[in-house]
């Protein structure tokens, strides 16, 4: 009984930590700044046929993202425009962190 409770608590905490790690918040004001920046500095790429454009996906090395201006977001992120959508990328991991439709 104690083992089950401990296991359940561990799974719950791990799930909560995972969800928190996946959260990336962009305010409406930041999104507007990013949209304007990307509009004047587009980096349009073709989506590889084997790449699913979702948050958490790893952007293939063949795609060369642009760097967002320092004032667009609090941290440095990269971006591409793929399938008509702006994709924000965490530079170190190359993970998609946010997609602007």
C-alpha atoms as a PDB file:
ATOM      1  CA  UNK A   1       0.000   0.000   0.000  1.00  0.00           C
ATOM      2  CA  UNK A   2       2.774   2.477   0.914  1.00  0.00           C
ATOM      3  CA  UNK A   3       4.670   1.473  -2.223  1.00  0.00           C
ATOM      4  CA  UNK A   4       1.642   2.263  -4.426  1.00  0.00           C
ATOM      5  CA  UNK A   5       1.155   5.651  -2.776  1.00  0.00           C
ATOM      6  CA  UNK A   6       4.832   6.488  -3.191  1.00  0.00           C
ATOM      7  CA  UNK A   7       4.806   5.348  -6.809  1.00  0.00           C
ATOM      8  CA  UNK A   8       1.663   7.359  -7.557  1.00  0.00           C
ATOM      9  CA  UNK A   9       3.138  10.476  -5.944  1.00  0.00           C
ATOM     10  CA  UNK A  10       6.379  10.045  -7.884  1.00  0.00           C
ATOM     11  CA  UNK A  11       4.547   9.688 -11.185  1.00  0.00           C
ATOM     12  CA  UNK A  12       2.386  12.710 -10.419  1.00  0.00           C
ATOM     13  CA  UNK A  13       5.389  14.868  -9.543  1.00  0.00           C
ATOM     14  CA  UNK A  14       7.337  13.710 -12.593  1.00  0.00           C
ATOM     15  CA  UNK A  15       4.362  14.502 -14.817  1.00  0.00           C
ATOM     16  CA  UNK A  16       4.002  17.939 -13.271  1.00  0.00           C
ATOM     17  CA  UNK A  17       7.714  18.667 -13.743  1.00  0.00           C
ATOM     18  CA  UNK A  18       7.528  17.516 -17.363  1.00  0.00           C
ATOM     19  CA  UNK A  19       4.518  19.750 -18.046  1.00  0.00           C
ATOM     20  CA  UNK A  20       6.269  22.729 -16.446  1.00  0.00           C
ATOM     21  CA  UNK A  21       9.382  22.109 -18.536  1.00  0.00           C
ATOM     22  CA  UNK A  22       7.271  22.131 -21.721  1.00  0.00           C
ATOM     23  CA  UNK A  23       5.585  25.465 -20.931  1.00  0.00           C
ATOM     24  CA  UNK A  24       6.761  28.453 -22.945  1.00  0.00           C
ATOM     25  CA  UNK A  25       4.736  31.628 -22.599  1.00  0.00           C
ATOM     26  CA  UNK A  26       4.725  34.446 -25.107  1.00  0.00           C
ATOM     27  CA  UNK A  27       2.663  37.480 -24.193  1.00  0.00           C
ATOM     28  CA  UNK A  28       0.475  39.101 -26.854  1.00  0.00           C
ATOM     29  CA  UNK A  29       2.863  42.077 -26.880  1.00  0.00           C
ATOM     30  CA  UNK A  30       5.892  39.817 -27.421  1.00  0.00           C
ATOM     31  CA  UNK A  31       4.055  37.939 -30.157  1.00  0.00           C
ATOM     32  CA  UNK A  32       3.369  41.232 -31.926  1.00  0.00           C
ATOM     33  CA  UNK A  33       7.057  42.214 -31.711  1.00  0.00           C
ATOM     34  CA  UNK A  34       8.110  38.787 -33.024  1.00  0.00           C
ATOM     35  CA  UNK A  35       5.584  38.948 -35.890  1.00  0.00           C
ATOM     36  CA  UNK A  36       6.835  42.391 -36.955  1.00  0.00           C
ATOM     37  CA  UNK A  37      10.483  41.338 -36.722  1.00  0.00           C
ATOM     38  CA  UNK A  38       9.904  38.157 -38.719  1.00  0.00           C
ATOM     39  CA  UNK A  39       7.846  40.065 -41.299  1.00  0.00           C
ATOM     40  CA  UNK A  40      10.825  42.351 -42.018  1.00  0.00           C
ATOM     41  CA  UNK A  41      13.464  39.584 -41.603  1.00  0.00           C
ATOM     42  CA  UNK A  42      11.856  36.392 -42.942  1.00  0.00           C
ATOM     43  CA  UNK A  43      13.767  33.118 -42.880  1.00  0.00           C
ATOM     44  CA  UNK A  44      11.482  30.914 -44.940  1.00  0.00           C
ATOM     45  CA  UNK A  45      12.341  27.220 -45.063  1.00  0.00           C
ATOM     46  CA  UNK A  46      10.739  24.212 -46.690  1.00  0.00           C
ATOM     47  CA  UNK A  47       9.417  21.679 -44.177  1.00  0.00           C
ATOM     48  CA  UNK A  48      11.147  18.326 -44.694  1.00  0.00           C
ATOM     49  CA  UNK A  49       8.624  15.624 -45.589  1.00  0.00           C
ATOM     50  CA  UNK A  50       9.597  13.534 -42.551  1.00  0.00           C
ATOM     51  CA  UNK A  51       9.318  16.448 -40.075  1.00  0.00           C
ATOM     52  CA  UNK A  52       6.154  17.023 -38.053  1.00  0.00           C
ATOM     53  CA  UNK A  53       5.787  20.662 -37.054  1.00  0.00           C
ATOM     54  CA  UNK A  54       4.797  20.446 -33.386  1.00  0.00           C
ATOM     55  CA  UNK A  55       6.041  21.970 -30.135  1.00  0.00           C
ATOM     56  CA  UNK A  56       8.861  19.783 -28.810  1.00  0.00           C
ATOM     57  CA  UNK A  57      10.039  18.595 -32.228  1.00  0.00           C
ATOM     58  CA  UNK A  58      13.765  18.871 -32.940  1.00  0.00           C
ATOM     59  CA  UNK A  59      14.485  21.041 -35.976  1.00  0.00           C
ATOM     60  CA  UNK A  60      16.739  19.190 -38.435  1.00  0.00           C
ATOM     61  CA  UNK A  61      20.310  20.470 -38.811  1.00  0.00           C
ATOM     62  CA  UNK A  62      19.767  21.155 -42.512  1.00  0.00           C
ATOM     63  CA  UNK A  63      17.454  24.039 -41.617  1.00  0.00           C
ATOM     64  CA  UNK A  64      19.281  27.264 -40.816  1.00  0.00           C
ATOM     65  CA  UNK A  65      17.145  29.432 -38.508  1.00  0.00           C
ATOM     66  CA  UNK A  66      17.516  33.168 -38.046  1.00  0.00           C
ATOM     67  CA  UNK A  67      18.258  34.878 -34.720  1.00  0.00           C
ATOM     68  CA  UNK A  68      15.525  36.935 -33.101  1.00  0.00           C
ATOM     69  CA  UNK A  69      16.437  40.474 -32.140  1.00  0.00           C
ATOM     70  CA  UNK A  70      17.457  40.865 -28.482  1.00  0.00           C
ATOM     71  CA  UNK A  71      14.397  42.958 -27.664  1.00  0.00           C
ATOM     72  CA  UNK A  72      11.846  40.491 -29.079  1.00  0.00           C
ATOM     73  CA  UNK A  73      11.876  38.053 -26.139  1.00  0.00           C
ATOM     74  CA  UNK A  74      13.579  37.845 -22.761  1.00  0.00           C
ATOM     75  CA  UNK A  75      15.971  35.111 -23.938  1.00  0.00           C
ATOM     76  CA  UNK A  76      17.655  34.496 -27.273  1.00  0.00           C
ATOM     77  CA  UNK A  77      15.666  32.301 -29.611  1.00  0.00           C
ATOM     78  CA  UNK A  78      15.928  31.368 -33.233  1.00  0.00           C
ATOM     79  CA  UNK A  79      13.104  31.284 -35.738  1.00  0.00           C
ATOM     80  CA  UNK A  80      12.029  30.063 -39.133  1.00  0.00           C
ATOM     81  CA  UNK A  81       8.888  30.490 -41.176  1.00  0.00           C
ATOM     82  CA  UNK A  82       7.618  27.060 -42.136  1.00  0.00           C
ATOM     83  CA  UNK A  83       4.287  26.260 -43.778  1.00  0.00           C
ATOM     84  CA  UNK A  84       3.346  29.935 -43.327  1.00  0.00           C
ATOM     85  CA  UNK A  85       3.821  29.746 -39.555  1.00  0.00           C
ATOM     86  CA  UNK A  86       6.522  31.375 -37.422  1.00  0.00           C
ATOM     87  CA  UNK A  87       8.385  28.736 -35.429  1.00  0.00           C
ATOM     88  CA  UNK A  88      10.415  29.732 -32.350  1.00  0.00           C
ATOM     89  CA  UNK A  89      13.381  27.479 -31.620  1.00  0.00           C
ATOM     90  CA  UNK A  90      15.549  27.054 -28.507  1.00  0.00           C
ATOM     91  CA  UNK A  91      19.093  27.379 -29.949  1.00  0.00           C
ATOM     92  CA  UNK A  92      20.940  24.851 -27.758  1.00  0.00           C
ATOM     93  CA  UNK A  93      18.486  21.996 -28.163  1.00  0.00           C
ATOM     94  CA  UNK A  94      16.964  23.047 -31.535  1.00  0.00           C
ATOM     95  CA  UNK A  95      13.550  22.234 -30.036  1.00  0.00           C
ATOM     96  CA  UNK A  96      10.435  23.986 -31.280  1.00  0.00           C
ATOM     97  CA  UNK A  97       9.178  25.944 -28.267  1.00  0.00           C
ATOM     98  CA  UNK A  98       6.363  28.000 -29.793  1.00  0.00           C
ATOM     99  CA  UNK A  99       4.442  28.226 -33.060  1.00  0.00           C
ATOM    100  CA  UNK A 100       2.703  31.401 -34.171  1.00  0.00           C
ATOM    101  CA  UNK A 101      -0.070  30.821 -36.712  1.00  0.00           C
END
